[in-house]
Amino acid sequence: MQPRGIRNNNPGNIRHGDKWLGLSEKQSDGSFCTFKSPVYGIRAMAKILLNYQRVYGLKTLAGIIHRWAPPNENDTCSYINSVAEVLDVAPKAEIDVGNPIIMAKLIKAIIRHENGIQPYADDTIFKAMRLVGVQ
């Protein structure tokens, strides 16, 4: 059995609330969005991460992950450390999510942390990122 985020084509485990492009007609999960394909779920992740930086001014890895995975639902410190290790940066390091290499690494690290696996090819991740202008 695949992890919930993979089954839902929502590897970032994005909660209901926004009318995302590519949502499945039937939303069978009461808590998390279900997308038509992984590309749309990853696209939503990229859009959120861009907004964290551009709209909310979150520039550090710790700031981004703290908002993505708040302490009331997650072990946020462990999450931050896990992603920092994958990106090979300090938790308080500033990162540029508009940089496609950094964005791809961040997305892959979040997917792995959320699901225990990261099954998507680079082509899928970069296709999703291009849909929000990260190239």
N, C-alpha and C. Protein backbone atom coordinates (compact mmCIF):
# COMPACT_ATOMS: atom_id res chain seq x y z
N MET A 1 0.85 -1.19 0.00
CA MET A 1 0.00 0.00 0.00
C MET A 1 0.89 1.25 0.00
N GLN A 2 0.60 2.14 -0.91
CA GLN A 2 1.37 3.37 -1.02
C GLN A 2 0.97 4.37 0.08
N PRO A 3 1.87 5.29 0.43
CA PRO A 3 1.52 6.33 1.39
C PRO A 3 0.38 7.21 0.87
N ARG A 4 -0.34 7.78 1.77
CA ARG A 4 -1.51 8.60 1.45
C ARG A 4 -1.21 9.69 0.43
N GLY A 5 -0.11 10.43 0.61
CA GLY A 5 0.24 11.51 -0.31
C GLY A 5 0.47 11.02 -1.73
N ILE A 6 1.06 9.84 -1.87
CA ILE A 6 1.31 9.27 -3.19
C ILE A 6 -0.01 8.80 -3.80
N ARG A 7 -0.84 8.14 -3.01
CA ARG A 7 -2.16 7.68 -3.49
C ARG A 7 -3.01 8.85 -3.97
N ASN A 8 -2.92 9.97 -3.27
CA ASN A 8 -3.73 11.15 -3.60
C ASN A 8 -3.11 12.02 -4.69
N ASN A 9 -1.97 11.61 -5.24
CA ASN A 9 -1.22 12.47 -6.17
C ASN A 9 -0.92 13.83 -5.54
N ASN A 10 -0.76 13.81 -4.23
CA ASN A 10 -0.55 15.01 -3.43
C ASN A 10 0.63 14.73 -2.48
N PRO A 11 1.83 14.62 -3.05
CA PRO A 11 2.97 14.20 -2.23
C PRO A 11 3.41 15.21 -1.18
N GLY A 12 2.87 16.41 -1.21
CA GLY A 12 3.16 17.39 -0.17
C GLY A 12 2.11 17.39 0.93
N ASN A 13 1.10 16.54 0.78
CA ASN A 13 -0.02 16.46 1.73
C ASN A 13 -0.63 17.83 1.99
N ILE A 14 -1.05 18.47 0.91
CA ILE A 14 -1.68 19.78 0.98
C ILE A 14 -3.14 19.59 1.40
N ARG A 15 -3.54 20.36 2.39
CA ARG A 15 -4.90 20.27 2.92
C ARG A 15 -5.90 20.98 2.00
N HIS A 16 -7.16 20.58 2.14
CA HIS A 16 -8.24 21.24 1.41
C HIS A 16 -8.29 22.72 1.79
N GLY A 17 -8.76 23.53 0.86
CA GLY A 17 -8.94 24.95 1.16
C GLY A 17 -8.83 25.82 -0.08
N ASP A 18 -7.93 25.49 -0.98
CA ASP A 18 -7.76 26.27 -2.20
C ASP A 18 -8.31 25.48 -3.39
N LYS A 19 -8.69 26.18 -4.42
CA LYS A 19 -9.18 25.56 -5.66
C LYS A 19 -8.00 25.39 -6.60
N TRP A 20 -7.21 24.36 -6.33
CA TRP A 20 -5.99 24.12 -7.09
C TRP A 20 -6.29 23.65 -8.51
N LEU A 21 -5.45 24.05 -9.44
CA LEU A 21 -5.47 23.51 -10.79
C LEU A 21 -5.18 22.01 -10.70
N GLY A 22 -5.98 21.20 -11.40
CA GLY A 22 -5.72 19.78 -11.45
C GLY A 22 -6.31 18.96 -10.32
N LEU A 23 -7.21 19.55 -9.53
CA LEU A 23 -7.87 18.76 -8.49
C LEU A 23 -8.74 17.70 -9.14
N SER A 24 -8.79 16.53 -8.54
CA SER A 24 -9.70 15.48 -9.02
C SER A 24 -11.14 15.92 -8.76
N GLU A 25 -12.03 15.48 -9.64
CA GLU A 25 -13.44 15.80 -9.43
C GLU A 25 -13.93 15.28 -8.09
N LYS A 26 -13.58 14.04 -7.80
CA LYS A 26 -13.98 13.43 -6.54
C LYS A 26 -12.85 13.60 -5.53
N GLN A 27 -13.17 14.25 -4.43
CA GLN A 27 -12.21 14.44 -3.34
C GLN A 27 -12.52 13.41 -2.25
N SER A 28 -11.88 12.26 -2.37
CA SER A 28 -12.21 11.13 -1.50
C SER A 28 -11.53 11.19 -0.13
N ASP A 29 -10.56 12.06 0.04
CA ASP A 29 -9.86 12.20 1.31
C ASP A 29 -10.44 13.42 2.03
N GLY A 30 -10.91 13.22 3.23
CA GLY A 30 -11.55 14.31 3.97
C GLY A 30 -10.61 15.41 4.42
N SER A 31 -9.32 15.14 4.50
CA SER A 31 -8.36 16.12 5.00
C SER A 31 -7.47 16.72 3.93
N PHE A 32 -7.03 15.87 2.98
CA PHE A 32 -6.03 16.31 2.01
C PHE A 32 -6.58 16.28 0.59
N CYS A 33 -6.12 17.21 -0.23
CA CYS A 33 -6.53 17.29 -1.63
C CYS A 33 -6.13 16.02 -2.38
N THR A 34 -6.92 15.71 -3.39
CA THR A 34 -6.59 14.65 -4.33
C THR A 34 -6.47 15.31 -5.70
N PHE A 35 -5.33 15.06 -6.36
CA PHE A 35 -5.06 15.65 -7.67
C PHE A 35 -5.19 14.60 -8.76
N LYS A 36 -5.42 15.09 -10.00
CA LYS A 36 -5.56 14.20 -11.16
C LYS A 36 -4.28 13.45 -11.47
N SER A 37 -3.15 14.08 -11.22
CA SER A 37 -1.86 13.45 -11.47
C SER A 37 -0.82 14.05 -10.52
N PRO A 38 0.30 13.36 -10.34
CA PRO A 38 1.35 13.90 -9.47
C PRO A 38 1.86 15.27 -9.93
N VAL A 39 1.85 15.52 -11.22
CA VAL A 39 2.33 16.81 -11.72
C VAL A 39 1.54 17.95 -11.08
N TYR A 40 0.23 17.80 -10.96
CA TYR A 40 -0.58 18.86 -10.36
C TYR A 40 -0.34 18.99 -8.86
N GLY A 41 -0.14 17.88 -8.19
CA GLY A 41 0.17 17.94 -6.76
C GLY A 41 1.52 18.60 -6.50
N ILE A 42 2.50 18.28 -7.33
CA ILE A 42 3.82 18.88 -7.18
C ILE A 42 3.78 20.35 -7.60
N ARG A 43 2.98 20.66 -8.61
CA ARG A 43 2.80 22.05 -9.02
C ARG A 43 2.27 22.89 -7.84
N ALA A 44 1.28 22.34 -7.13
CA ALA A 44 0.72 23.04 -5.97
C ALA A 44 1.80 23.26 -4.91
N MET A 45 2.64 22.26 -4.70
CA MET A 45 3.75 22.42 -3.75
C MET A 45 4.64 23.58 -4.16
N ALA A 46 5.03 23.61 -5.43
CA ALA A 46 5.93 24.66 -5.93
C ALA A 46 5.28 26.03 -5.78
N LYS A 47 4.00 26.12 -6.07
CA LYS A 47 3.28 27.40 -5.95
C LYS A 47 3.29 27.88 -4.49
N ILE A 48 3.01 26.97 -3.58
CA ILE A 48 3.02 27.33 -2.16
C ILE A 48 4.41 27.80 -1.73
N LEU A 49 5.44 27.05 -2.11
CA LEU A 49 6.80 27.41 -1.72
C LEU A 49 7.21 28.77 -2.28
N LEU A 50 6.83 29.04 -3.52
CA LEU A 50 7.10 30.37 -4.09
C LEU A 50 6.38 31.46 -3.31
N ASN A 51 5.13 31.21 -2.96
CA ASN A 51 4.36 32.21 -2.19
C ASN A 51 4.96 32.43 -0.81
N TYR A 52 5.46 31.39 -0.18
CA TYR A 52 6.10 31.56 1.12
C TYR A 52 7.23 32.58 1.02
N GLN A 53 7.98 32.52 -0.07
CA GLN A 53 9.11 33.42 -0.21
C GLN A 53 8.67 34.79 -0.72
N ARG A 54 7.87 34.81 -1.77
CA ARG A 54 7.51 36.07 -2.43
C ARG A 54 6.47 36.88 -1.66
N VAL A 55 5.49 36.21 -1.10
CA VAL A 55 4.39 36.90 -0.42
C VAL A 55 4.68 37.09 1.07
N TYR A 56 5.21 36.05 1.70
CA TYR A 56 5.39 36.08 3.15
C TYR A 56 6.82 36.38 3.58
N GLY A 57 7.74 36.48 2.62
CA GLY A 57 9.12 36.85 2.94
C GLY A 57 9.92 35.80 3.68
N LEU A 58 9.50 34.55 3.59
CA LEU A 58 10.23 33.48 4.26
C LEU A 58 11.42 33.09 3.40
N LYS A 59 12.61 33.34 3.90
CA LYS A 59 13.82 33.12 3.10
C LYS A 59 14.67 31.99 3.63
N THR A 60 14.52 31.65 4.92
CA THR A 60 15.34 30.58 5.47
C THR A 60 14.62 29.24 5.32
N LEU A 61 15.41 28.20 5.24
CA LEU A 61 14.84 26.86 5.17
C LEU A 61 13.95 26.61 6.40
N ALA A 62 14.44 26.99 7.56
CA ALA A 62 13.66 26.79 8.80
C ALA A 62 12.33 27.53 8.74
N GLY A 63 12.32 28.77 8.24
CA GLY A 63 11.09 29.54 8.14
C GLY A 63 10.09 28.89 7.20
N ILE A 64 10.59 28.40 6.08
CA ILE A 64 9.73 27.76 5.08
C ILE A 64 9.12 26.48 5.64
N ILE A 65 9.95 25.62 6.22
CA ILE A 65 9.44 24.34 6.73
C ILE A 65 8.57 24.57 7.96
N HIS A 66 8.87 25.55 8.77
CA HIS A 66 8.04 25.85 9.94
C HIS A 66 6.61 26.19 9.51
N ARG A 67 6.49 26.90 8.43
CA ARG A 67 5.14 27.23 7.92
C ARG A 67 4.51 26.01 7.23
N TRP A 68 5.31 25.27 6.48
CA TRP A 68 4.81 24.09 5.75
C TRP A 68 4.29 23.03 6.72
N ALA A 69 5.04 22.82 7.80
CA ALA A 69 4.74 21.73 8.75
C ALA A 69 4.74 22.30 10.17
N PRO A 70 3.68 23.01 10.55
CA PRO A 70 3.66 23.68 11.85
C PRO A 70 3.72 22.71 13.02
N PRO A 71 4.27 23.18 14.14
CA PRO A 71 4.47 22.33 15.31
C PRO A 71 3.20 21.73 15.90
N ASN A 72 2.05 22.33 15.65
CA ASN A 72 0.82 21.76 16.20
C ASN A 72 0.43 20.46 15.50
N GLU A 73 1.07 20.17 14.34
CA GLU A 73 0.76 18.94 13.60
C GLU A 73 1.99 18.06 13.36
N ASN A 74 3.18 18.59 13.58
CA ASN A 74 4.41 17.91 13.17
C ASN A 74 5.52 18.06 14.19
N ASP A 75 6.54 17.22 14.06
CA ASP A 75 7.79 17.43 14.76
C ASP A 75 8.61 18.32 13.83
N THR A 76 8.33 19.61 13.90
CA THR A 76 8.88 20.57 12.95
C THR A 76 10.40 20.63 13.00
N CYS A 77 10.99 20.54 14.16
CA CYS A 77 12.46 20.59 14.26
C CYS A 77 13.09 19.42 13.51
N SER A 78 12.53 18.23 13.68
CA SER A 78 13.06 17.06 12.95
C SER A 78 12.87 17.23 11.46
N TYR A 79 11.73 17.79 11.08
CA TYR A 79 11.43 18.02 9.66
C TYR A 79 12.46 18.98 9.07
N ILE A 80 12.70 20.08 9.76
CA ILE A 80 13.68 21.07 9.30
C ILE A 80 15.06 20.43 9.15
N ASN A 81 15.48 19.69 10.16
CA ASN A 81 16.81 19.06 10.13
C ASN A 81 16.91 18.04 9.01
N SER A 82 15.86 17.29 8.77
CA SER A 82 15.84 16.30 7.70
C SER A 82 16.02 16.96 6.34
N VAL A 83 15.26 18.02 6.11
CA VAL A 83 15.34 18.72 4.82
C VAL A 83 16.67 19.45 4.69
N ALA A 84 17.16 20.04 5.75
CA ALA A 84 18.46 20.74 5.72
C ALA A 84 19.58 19.78 5.34
N GLU A 85 19.50 18.57 5.86
CA GLU A 85 20.52 17.57 5.54
C GLU A 85 20.50 17.22 4.05
N VAL A 86 19.32 17.04 3.50
CA VAL A 86 19.20 16.72 2.08
C VAL A 86 19.71 17.87 1.21
N LEU A 87 19.37 19.10 1.59
CA LEU A 87 19.80 20.26 0.81
C LEU A 87 21.25 20.64 1.09
N ASP A 88 21.84 20.05 2.15
CA ASP A 88 23.20 20.34 2.56
C ASP A 88 23.37 21.83 2.88
N VAL A 89 22.40 22.34 3.67
CA VAL A 89 22.46 23.73 4.14
C VAL A 89 22.10 23.74 5.63
N ALA A 90 22.49 24.80 6.30
CA ALA A 90 22.10 24.99 7.70
C ALA A 90 20.62 25.35 7.76
N PRO A 91 19.91 24.96 8.81
CA PRO A 91 18.50 25.28 8.91
C PRO A 91 18.18 26.78 8.77
N LYS A 92 19.06 27.62 9.27
CA LYS A 92 18.81 29.07 9.21
C LYS A 92 19.37 29.71 7.93
N ALA A 93 19.87 28.88 7.02
CA ALA A 93 20.42 29.39 5.76
C ALA A 93 19.29 29.93 4.88
N GLU A 94 19.58 31.02 4.19
CA GLU A 94 18.63 31.54 3.22
C GLU A 94 18.75 30.72 1.94
N ILE A 95 17.60 30.40 1.37
CA ILE A 95 17.56 29.67 0.11
C ILE A 95 16.69 30.44 -0.87
N ASP A 96 16.91 30.21 -2.14
CA ASP A 96 16.13 30.87 -3.19
C ASP A 96 15.28 29.81 -3.89
N VAL A 97 14.00 29.75 -3.54
CA VAL A 97 13.14 28.74 -4.13
C VAL A 97 12.84 29.03 -5.60
N GLY A 98 13.19 30.20 -6.09
CA GLY A 98 13.06 30.51 -7.51
C GLY A 98 14.15 29.87 -8.35
N ASN A 99 15.19 29.37 -7.70
CA ASN A 99 16.27 28.65 -8.37
C ASN A 99 15.78 27.22 -8.60
N PRO A 100 15.72 26.77 -9.87
CA PRO A 100 15.14 25.44 -10.13
C PRO A 100 15.86 24.28 -9.46
N ILE A 101 17.16 24.37 -9.29
CA ILE A 101 17.90 23.29 -8.64
C ILE A 101 17.52 23.22 -7.15
N ILE A 102 17.47 24.37 -6.51
CA ILE A 102 17.10 24.41 -5.09
C ILE A 102 15.64 23.97 -4.92
N MET A 103 14.75 24.49 -5.77
CA MET A 103 13.34 24.12 -5.67
C MET A 103 13.17 22.61 -5.84
N ALA A 104 13.82 22.03 -6.82
CA ALA A 104 13.70 20.58 -7.05
C ALA A 104 14.18 19.78 -5.83
N LYS A 105 15.32 20.17 -5.27
CA LYS A 105 15.85 19.48 -4.09
C LYS A 105 14.89 19.62 -2.91
N LEU A 106 14.34 20.82 -2.74
CA LEU A 106 13.41 21.07 -1.64
C LEU A 106 12.14 20.24 -1.80
N ILE A 107 11.59 20.22 -3.00
CA ILE A 107 10.39 19.43 -3.26
C ILE A 107 10.66 17.95 -3.00
N LYS A 108 11.78 17.43 -3.49
CA LYS A 108 12.11 16.02 -3.27
C LYS A 108 12.26 15.71 -1.79
N ALA A 109 12.89 16.62 -1.04
CA ALA A 109 13.09 16.39 0.39
C ALA A 109 11.75 16.41 1.14
N ILE A 110 10.87 17.32 0.76
CA ILE A 110 9.54 17.37 1.39
C ILE A 110 8.76 16.11 1.07
N ILE A 111 8.78 15.70 -0.19
CA ILE A 111 8.06 14.48 -0.59
C ILE A 111 8.57 13.29 0.23
N ARG A 112 9.87 13.14 0.34
CA ARG A 112 10.44 12.02 1.08
C ARG A 112 10.02 12.09 2.55
N HIS A 113 10.07 13.28 3.13
CA HIS A 113 9.71 13.40 4.55
C HIS A 113 8.22 13.13 4.76
N GLU A 114 7.39 13.61 3.87
CA GLU A 114 5.95 13.43 4.01
C GLU A 114 5.49 12.00 3.79
N ASN A 115 6.20 11.27 2.91
CA ASN A 115 5.72 9.96 2.47
C ASN A 115 6.65 8.79 2.79
N GLY A 116 7.87 9.08 3.21
CA GLY A 116 8.83 8.02 3.46
C GLY A 116 9.52 7.55 2.20
N ILE A 117 9.04 7.99 1.05
CA ILE A 117 9.63 7.67 -0.25
C ILE A 117 9.53 8.90 -1.14
N GLN A 118 10.33 8.92 -2.20
CA GLN A 118 10.26 9.97 -3.21
C GLN A 118 10.32 9.24 -4.55
N PRO A 119 9.14 8.87 -5.10
CA PRO A 119 9.12 7.99 -6.27
C PRO A 119 9.14 8.69 -7.63
N TYR A 120 9.20 10.01 -7.66
CA TYR A 120 9.01 10.73 -8.92
C TYR A 120 10.32 11.02 -9.65
N ALA A 121 10.27 10.86 -10.95
CA ALA A 121 11.41 11.18 -11.81
C ALA A 121 11.61 12.69 -11.87
N ASP A 122 12.83 13.09 -12.14
CA ASP A 122 13.12 14.52 -12.29
C ASP A 122 12.22 15.17 -13.33
N ASP A 123 11.93 14.47 -14.42
CA ASP A 123 11.06 15.03 -15.46
C ASP A 123 9.71 15.47 -14.90
N THR A 124 9.15 14.67 -14.03
CA THR A 124 7.85 14.99 -13.42
C THR A 124 7.96 16.23 -12.55
N ILE A 125 9.00 16.29 -11.75
CA ILE A 125 9.18 17.43 -10.85
C ILE A 125 9.44 18.71 -11.63
N PHE A 126 10.31 18.65 -12.64
CA PHE A 126 10.61 19.85 -13.42
C PHE A 126 9.42 20.29 -14.27
N LYS A 127 8.63 19.35 -14.76
CA LYS A 127 7.41 19.70 -15.50
C LYS A 127 6.46 20.48 -14.60
N ALA A 128 6.28 20.01 -13.38
CA ALA A 128 5.41 20.69 -12.42
C ALA A 128 5.93 22.09 -12.11
N MET A 129 7.24 22.20 -11.92
CA MET A 129 7.84 23.51 -11.59
C MET A 129 7.69 24.48 -12.76
N ARG A 130 7.81 24.00 -13.99
CA ARG A 130 7.64 24.87 -15.16
C ARG A 130 6.22 25.45 -15.21
N LEU A 131 5.25 24.71 -14.71
CA LEU A 131 3.86 25.19 -14.71
C LEU A 131 3.66 26.42 -13.84
N VAL A 132 4.61 26.68 -12.92
CA VAL A 132 4.54 27.90 -12.09
C VAL A 132 5.69 28.85 -12.41
N GLY A 133 6.38 28.59 -13.53
CA GLY A 133 7.40 29.52 -13.99
C GLY A 133 8.79 29.32 -13.44
N VAL A 134 9.05 28.22 -12.76
CA VAL A 134 10.40 27.93 -12.27
C VAL A 134 11.06 27.03 -13.29
N GLN A 135 12.09 27.60 -13.98
CA GLN A 135 12.72 26.87 -15.08
C GLN A 135 14.22 26.92 -14.98
